[in-house]
Amino acid sequence: MLTRLTIAATSALLLVLASAAAADDATVAVTSHPEGAKIYVNGYFKARTPATVVIGSATEVEQPYTFT
């Protein structure tokens, strides 16, 4: 279950980052079954699913974002 969440979030994030390279912020919608999974971005707790997470521009971070 966590693997599916990780794969879905990573795929969505890659699409957002690819299309938002010049944008100020990006949003990623994260869902899970069952609901209530914790969403961490680069080690920082952001929310519980379902949620839309706002992340800074891809140009602000030298490494890829990590969702766990």
N, C-alpha and C. Protein backbone atom coordinates (compact mmCIF):
# COMPACT_ATOMS: atom_id res chain seq x y z
N MET A 1 0.83 -1.18 0.00
CA MET A 1 0.00 0.00 0.00
C MET A 1 0.88 1.25 0.00
N LEU A 2 1.87 1.29 0.86
CA LEU A 2 2.77 2.45 0.90
C LEU A 2 3.53 2.57 -0.41
N THR A 3 3.87 1.42 -1.00
CA THR A 3 4.58 1.45 -2.28
C THR A 3 3.72 2.10 -3.35
N ARG A 4 2.44 1.78 -3.38
CA ARG A 4 1.54 2.39 -4.37
C ARG A 4 1.47 3.90 -4.16
N LEU A 5 1.37 4.33 -2.90
CA LEU A 5 1.34 5.76 -2.60
C LEU A 5 2.62 6.43 -3.05
N THR A 6 3.74 5.80 -2.78
CA THR A 6 5.03 6.36 -3.17
C THR A 6 5.15 6.47 -4.68
N ILE A 7 4.75 5.43 -5.39
CA ILE A 7 4.83 5.43 -6.85
C ILE A 7 3.90 6.49 -7.43
N ALA A 8 2.66 6.56 -6.92
CA ALA A 8 1.70 7.54 -7.42
C ALA A 8 2.18 8.96 -7.15
N ALA A 9 2.67 9.20 -5.94
CA ALA A 9 3.13 10.54 -5.59
C ALA A 9 4.37 10.92 -6.40
N THR A 10 5.28 9.98 -6.58
CA THR A 10 6.49 10.25 -7.34
C THR A 10 6.16 10.56 -8.80
N SER A 11 5.25 9.77 -9.38
CA SER A 11 4.85 10.00 -10.77
C SER A 11 4.19 11.37 -10.92
N ALA A 12 3.28 11.69 -10.01
CA ALA A 12 2.61 12.99 -10.08
C ALA A 12 3.61 14.11 -9.90
N LEU A 13 4.53 13.92 -8.98
CA LEU A 13 5.52 14.96 -8.71
C LEU A 13 6.42 15.19 -9.92
N LEU A 14 6.84 14.14 -10.58
CA LEU A 14 7.69 14.29 -11.76
C LEU A 14 6.96 15.06 -12.86
N LEU A 15 5.67 14.78 -13.03
CA LEU A 15 4.90 15.51 -14.04
C LEU A 15 4.77 16.98 -13.66
N VAL A 16 4.51 17.25 -12.39
CA VAL A 16 4.38 18.63 -11.95
C VAL A 16 5.69 19.37 -12.11
N LEU A 17 6.78 18.76 -11.68
CA LEU A 17 8.07 19.43 -11.76
C LEU A 17 8.51 19.66 -13.20
N ALA A 18 8.19 18.72 -14.06
CA ALA A 18 8.56 18.88 -15.47
C ALA A 18 7.79 20.04 -16.11
N SER A 19 6.53 20.20 -15.72
CA SER A 19 5.73 21.26 -16.32
C SER A 19 5.84 22.58 -15.57
N ALA A 20 6.39 22.58 -14.37
CA ALA A 20 6.42 23.79 -13.56
C ALA A 20 7.83 24.29 -13.31
N ALA A 21 8.74 23.97 -14.18
CA ALA A 21 10.13 24.36 -13.95
C ALA A 21 10.30 25.86 -13.83
N ALA A 22 9.47 26.62 -14.52
CA ALA A 22 9.59 28.08 -14.46
C ALA A 22 8.59 28.71 -13.50
N ALA A 23 7.75 27.90 -12.87
CA ALA A 23 6.72 28.42 -11.97
C ALA A 23 7.29 28.70 -10.59
N ASP A 24 6.56 29.53 -9.83
CA ASP A 24 6.98 29.85 -8.47
C ASP A 24 6.70 28.68 -7.53
N ASP A 25 5.50 28.13 -7.56
CA ASP A 25 5.11 27.02 -6.70
C ASP A 25 4.44 25.94 -7.53
N ALA A 26 4.35 24.76 -6.96
CA ALA A 26 3.66 23.65 -7.60
C ALA A 26 2.77 22.99 -6.56
N THR A 27 1.68 22.37 -7.02
CA THR A 27 0.81 21.63 -6.12
C THR A 27 0.74 20.19 -6.57
N VAL A 28 0.65 19.29 -5.60
CA VAL A 28 0.54 17.87 -5.90
C VAL A 28 -0.62 17.32 -5.08
N ALA A 29 -1.57 16.69 -5.74
CA ALA A 29 -2.68 16.04 -5.05
C ALA A 29 -2.25 14.62 -4.69
N VAL A 30 -2.39 14.27 -3.43
CA VAL A 30 -1.97 12.96 -2.94
C VAL A 30 -3.16 12.27 -2.31
N THR A 31 -3.43 11.04 -2.75
CA THR A 31 -4.49 10.23 -2.17
C THR A 31 -3.93 8.88 -1.77
N SER A 32 -4.65 8.18 -0.91
CA SER A 32 -4.25 6.83 -0.52
C SER A 32 -5.49 6.06 -0.11
N HIS A 33 -5.36 4.76 -0.11
CA HIS A 33 -6.44 3.88 0.37
C HIS A 33 -5.82 2.93 1.36
N PRO A 34 -6.16 2.97 2.64
CA PRO A 34 -7.15 3.86 3.22
C PRO A 34 -6.62 5.28 3.36
N GLU A 35 -7.53 6.21 3.58
CA GLU A 35 -7.15 7.60 3.78
C GLU A 35 -6.42 7.77 5.10
N GLY A 36 -5.74 8.88 5.25
CA GLY A 36 -5.08 9.18 6.52
C GLY A 36 -3.59 8.93 6.53
N ALA A 37 -3.01 8.55 5.40
CA ALA A 37 -1.56 8.33 5.35
C ALA A 37 -0.84 9.66 5.53
N LYS A 38 0.26 9.65 6.24
CA LYS A 38 1.04 10.86 6.45
C LYS A 38 1.83 11.18 5.19
N ILE A 39 1.89 12.47 4.84
CA ILE A 39 2.64 12.92 3.67
C ILE A 39 3.85 13.71 4.17
N TYR A 40 5.03 13.24 3.81
CA TYR A 40 6.27 13.94 4.12
C TYR A 40 6.93 14.37 2.82
N VAL A 41 7.42 15.58 2.76
CA VAL A 41 8.16 16.06 1.61
C VAL A 41 9.54 16.46 2.10
N ASN A 42 10.55 15.78 1.58
CA ASN A 42 11.94 16.00 1.99
C ASN A 42 12.09 15.92 3.51
N GLY A 43 11.39 14.97 4.11
CA GLY A 43 11.52 14.73 5.55
C GLY A 43 10.63 15.59 6.42
N TYR A 44 9.86 16.50 5.86
CA TYR A 44 8.99 17.39 6.64
C TYR A 44 7.53 16.97 6.47
N PHE A 45 6.84 16.78 7.60
CA PHE A 45 5.42 16.43 7.56
C PHE A 45 4.63 17.58 6.95
N LYS A 46 3.77 17.25 5.97
CA LYS A 46 2.97 18.27 5.31
C LYS A 46 1.48 18.12 5.59
N ALA A 47 0.96 16.88 5.58
CA ALA A 47 -0.48 16.68 5.74
C ALA A 47 -0.77 15.18 5.82
N ARG A 48 -2.04 14.87 5.92
CA ARG A 48 -2.52 13.49 5.81
C ARG A 48 -3.42 13.42 4.58
N THR A 49 -3.43 12.25 3.94
CA THR A 49 -4.23 12.08 2.74
C THR A 49 -5.71 12.02 3.08
N PRO A 50 -6.56 12.45 2.16
CA PRO A 50 -6.24 13.10 0.89
C PRO A 50 -5.87 14.57 1.13
N ALA A 51 -4.96 15.07 0.34
CA ALA A 51 -4.53 16.46 0.51
C ALA A 51 -3.88 16.95 -0.78
N THR A 52 -3.85 18.26 -0.90
CA THR A 52 -3.10 18.91 -1.97
C THR A 52 -1.93 19.61 -1.29
N VAL A 53 -0.73 19.24 -1.69
CA VAL A 53 0.48 19.76 -1.06
C VAL A 53 1.11 20.80 -1.97
N VAL A 54 1.42 21.95 -1.41
CA VAL A 54 2.08 23.02 -2.15
C VAL A 54 3.57 22.91 -1.88
N ILE A 55 4.35 22.87 -2.95
CA ILE A 55 5.80 22.80 -2.81
C ILE A 55 6.43 23.96 -3.58
N GLY A 56 7.61 24.35 -3.18
CA GLY A 56 8.30 25.45 -3.83
C GLY A 56 8.73 25.08 -5.24
N SER A 57 9.21 26.04 -5.95
CA SER A 57 9.67 25.85 -7.31
C SER A 57 10.78 24.79 -7.37
N ALA A 58 10.80 24.04 -8.44
CA ALA A 58 11.83 23.02 -8.62
C ALA A 58 13.22 23.63 -8.70
N THR A 59 13.29 24.88 -9.06
CA THR A 59 14.60 25.52 -9.20
C THR A 59 15.22 25.87 -7.84
N GLU A 60 14.42 25.83 -6.76
CA GLU A 60 14.92 26.16 -5.43
C GLU A 60 15.69 25.01 -4.78
N VAL A 61 15.50 23.80 -5.28
CA VAL A 61 16.09 22.62 -4.66
C VAL A 61 17.03 21.96 -5.65
N GLU A 62 18.24 21.66 -5.20
CA GLU A 62 19.24 21.06 -6.08
C GLU A 62 19.03 19.57 -6.29
N GLN A 63 18.23 18.93 -5.44
CA GLN A 63 17.96 17.50 -5.58
C GLN A 63 16.46 17.30 -5.74
N PRO A 64 16.03 16.15 -6.24
CA PRO A 64 14.59 15.91 -6.42
C PRO A 64 13.87 15.88 -5.07
N TYR A 65 12.58 16.23 -5.09
CA TYR A 65 11.75 16.09 -3.90
C TYR A 65 11.54 14.62 -3.62
N THR A 66 11.43 14.25 -2.35
CA THR A 66 11.17 12.88 -1.96
C THR A 66 9.88 12.83 -1.16
N PHE A 67 8.93 12.03 -1.63
CA PHE A 67 7.69 11.81 -0.90
C PHE A 67 7.77 10.47 -0.20
N THR A 68 7.45 10.42 1.07
CA THR A 68 7.41 9.16 1.81
C THR A 68 6.15 9.08 2.62
